[in-house]
């Protein structure tokens, strides 16, 4: 994954990527809405450098509410186990 997470809590102010051989980077948005970059470098090489430099601005996040009883939390997790929204392979 070549790109940082962009959401309500992390803003990417500046981002540059330099890759040995200057390959074409294919960019797409994954199932979760993340920007994903992939590349192929087929030339013979002794070294591969991916230099990623970025500046981010982070924003504070409220801690989740933890007032539910443990049994209730385990029950909610058990329900998620049988109803996956997405399975990455």
C-alpha atoms as a PDB file:
ATOM      1  CA  UNK A   1       0.000   0.000   0.000  1.00  0.00           C
ATOM      2  CA  UNK A   2       1.643   3.189  -1.155  1.00  0.00           C
ATOM      3  CA  UNK A   3      -0.794   5.777   0.133  1.00  0.00           C
ATOM      4  CA  UNK A   4      -1.617   6.819   3.704  1.00  0.00           C
ATOM      5  CA  UNK A   5      -5.089   6.602   5.179  1.00  0.00           C
ATOM      6  CA  UNK A   6      -7.222   9.682   4.604  1.00  0.00           C
ATOM      7  CA  UNK A   7     -10.172  10.050   6.935  1.00  0.00           C
ATOM      8  CA  UNK A   8     -11.807  12.440   9.397  1.00  0.00           C
ATOM      9  CA  UNK A   9      -8.877  12.012  11.790  1.00  0.00           C
ATOM     10  CA  UNK A  10      -5.892  12.219   9.402  1.00  0.00           C
ATOM     11  CA  UNK A  11      -5.530  14.775   6.628  1.00  0.00           C
ATOM     12  CA  UNK A  12      -2.731  14.313   4.094  1.00  0.00           C
ATOM     13  CA  UNK A  13      -1.215  17.762   3.508  1.00  0.00           C
ATOM     14  CA  UNK A  14       1.629  16.719   1.182  1.00  0.00           C
ATOM     15  CA  UNK A  15       2.764  13.353  -0.191  1.00  0.00           C
ATOM     16  CA  UNK A  16       5.447  12.400  -2.693  1.00  0.00           C
ATOM     17  CA  UNK A  17       6.612   8.933  -3.745  1.00  0.00           C
ATOM     18  CA  UNK A  18       9.808   8.047  -5.569  1.00  0.00           C
ATOM     19  CA  UNK A  19      10.349   4.439  -6.700  1.00  0.00           C
ATOM     20  CA  UNK A  20      13.474   2.939  -8.243  1.00  0.00           C
ATOM     21  CA  UNK A  21      13.035   2.724 -12.030  1.00  0.00           C
ATOM     22  CA  UNK A  22      10.104   5.165 -11.933  1.00  0.00           C
ATOM     23  CA  UNK A  23       7.427   2.503 -12.628  1.00  0.00           C
ATOM     24  CA  UNK A  24       3.840   3.379 -13.456  1.00  0.00           C
ATOM     25  CA  UNK A  25       1.737   3.235 -10.289  1.00  0.00           C
ATOM     26  CA  UNK A  26      -1.788   1.906 -10.778  1.00  0.00           C
ATOM     27  CA  UNK A  27      -4.145   3.623  -8.359  1.00  0.00           C
ATOM     28  CA  UNK A  28      -7.593   2.416  -7.329  1.00  0.00           C
ATOM     29  CA  UNK A  29     -10.006   2.749  -4.427  1.00  0.00           C
ATOM     30  CA  UNK A  30     -10.487  -0.460  -2.435  1.00  0.00           C
ATOM     31  CA  UNK A  31     -13.659  -1.840  -0.834  1.00  0.00           C
ATOM     32  CA  UNK A  32     -13.135   0.329   2.263  1.00  0.00           C
ATOM     33  CA  UNK A  33     -12.614   3.574   0.314  1.00  0.00           C
ATOM     34  CA  UNK A  34      -8.824   3.634   0.721  1.00  0.00           C
ATOM     35  CA  UNK A  35      -6.565   4.834  -2.081  1.00  0.00           C
ATOM     36  CA  UNK A  36      -4.321   1.922  -3.076  1.00  0.00           C
ATOM     37  CA  UNK A  37      -1.294   2.106  -5.359  1.00  0.00           C
ATOM     38  CA  UNK A  38       0.458  -0.913  -6.862  1.00  0.00           C
ATOM     39  CA  UNK A  39       3.298  -1.246  -9.331  1.00  0.00           C
ATOM     40  CA  UNK A  40       5.435  -3.835 -11.114  1.00  0.00           C
ATOM     41  CA  UNK A  41       9.178  -3.438 -11.594  1.00  0.00           C
ATOM     42  CA  UNK A  42      10.291  -6.148 -14.037  1.00  0.00           C
ATOM     43  CA  UNK A  43      13.808  -4.972 -14.884  1.00  0.00           C
ATOM     44  CA  UNK A  44      16.667  -6.852 -13.175  1.00  0.00           C
ATOM     45  CA  UNK A  45      17.865  -4.899 -10.155  1.00  0.00           C
ATOM     46  CA  UNK A  46      20.017  -5.256  -7.054  1.00  0.00           C
ATOM     47  CA  UNK A  47      18.052  -2.752  -5.001  1.00  0.00           C
ATOM     48  CA  UNK A  48      14.530  -1.390  -4.856  1.00  0.00           C
ATOM     49  CA  UNK A  49      13.873   1.863  -3.034  1.00  0.00           C
ATOM     50  CA  UNK A  50      10.405   3.200  -2.277  1.00  0.00           C
ATOM     51  CA  UNK A  51      10.868   6.669  -0.800  1.00  0.00           C
ATOM     52  CA  UNK A  52       7.560   7.947   0.545  1.00  0.00           C
ATOM     53  CA  UNK A  53       7.506  11.343   2.218  1.00  0.00           C
ATOM     54  CA  UNK A  54       4.410  12.877   3.657  1.00  0.00           C
ATOM     55  CA  UNK A  55       3.037  15.502   5.952  1.00  0.00           C
ATOM     56  CA  UNK A  56      -0.186  14.733   7.769  1.00  0.00           C
ATOM     57  CA  UNK A  57      -2.369  16.717  10.100  1.00  0.00           C
ATOM     58  CA  UNK A  58      -4.064  14.577  12.714  1.00  0.00           C
ATOM     59  CA  UNK A  59      -7.251  15.383  14.591  1.00  0.00           C
ATOM     60  CA  UNK A  60      -8.227  14.058  18.003  1.00  0.00           C
ATOM     61  CA  UNK A  61     -10.687  11.212  18.277  1.00  0.00           C
ATOM     62  CA  UNK A  62     -13.121  10.470  21.082  1.00  0.00           C
ATOM     63  CA  UNK A  63     -12.580   7.191  22.859  1.00  0.00           C
ATOM     64  CA  UNK A  64     -15.316   4.623  22.213  1.00  0.00           C
ATOM     65  CA  UNK A  65     -18.100   4.240  24.753  1.00  0.00           C
ATOM     66  CA  UNK A  66     -17.253   1.307  26.987  1.00  0.00           C
ATOM     67  CA  UNK A  67     -20.344   1.190  29.180  1.00  0.00           C
ATOM     68  CA  UNK A  68     -21.799  -2.021  27.712  1.00  0.00           C
ATOM     69  CA  UNK A  69     -21.436  -5.122  29.839  1.00  0.00           C
ATOM     70  CA  UNK A  70     -18.730  -7.591  28.706  1.00  0.00           C
ATOM     71  CA  UNK A  71     -21.325 -10.288  27.898  1.00  0.00           C
ATOM     72  CA  UNK A  72     -23.125  -7.826  25.612  1.00  0.00           C
ATOM     73  CA  UNK A  73     -19.846  -6.908  23.871  1.00  0.00           C
ATOM     74  CA  UNK A  74     -18.963 -10.584  23.303  1.00  0.00           C
ATOM     75  CA  UNK A  75     -22.442 -11.220  21.925  1.00  0.00           C
ATOM     76  CA  UNK A  76     -22.017  -8.355  19.407  1.00  0.00           C
ATOM     77  CA  UNK A  77     -18.626  -9.745  18.337  1.00  0.00           C
ATOM     78  CA  UNK A  78     -20.072 -13.243  17.928  1.00  0.00           C
ATOM     79  CA  UNK A  79     -22.748 -11.843  15.591  1.00  0.00           C
ATOM     80  CA  UNK A  80     -20.045 -10.229  13.412  1.00  0.00           C
ATOM     81  CA  UNK A  81     -18.265 -13.560  13.039  1.00  0.00           C
ATOM     82  CA  UNK A  82     -21.132 -15.040  11.000  1.00  0.00           C
ATOM     83  CA  UNK A  83     -21.921 -11.929   8.947  1.00  0.00           C
ATOM     84  CA  UNK A  84     -18.709 -10.663   7.336  1.00  0.00           C
ATOM     85  CA  UNK A  85     -19.106  -7.562   5.150  1.00  0.00           C
ATOM     86  CA  UNK A  86     -15.911  -8.240   3.235  1.00  0.00           C
ATOM     87  CA  UNK A  87     -13.285 -10.953   3.161  1.00  0.00           C
ATOM     88  CA  UNK A  88      -9.860 -10.024   1.777  1.00  0.00           C
ATOM     89  CA  UNK A  89      -7.860 -12.850   0.250  1.00  0.00           C
END
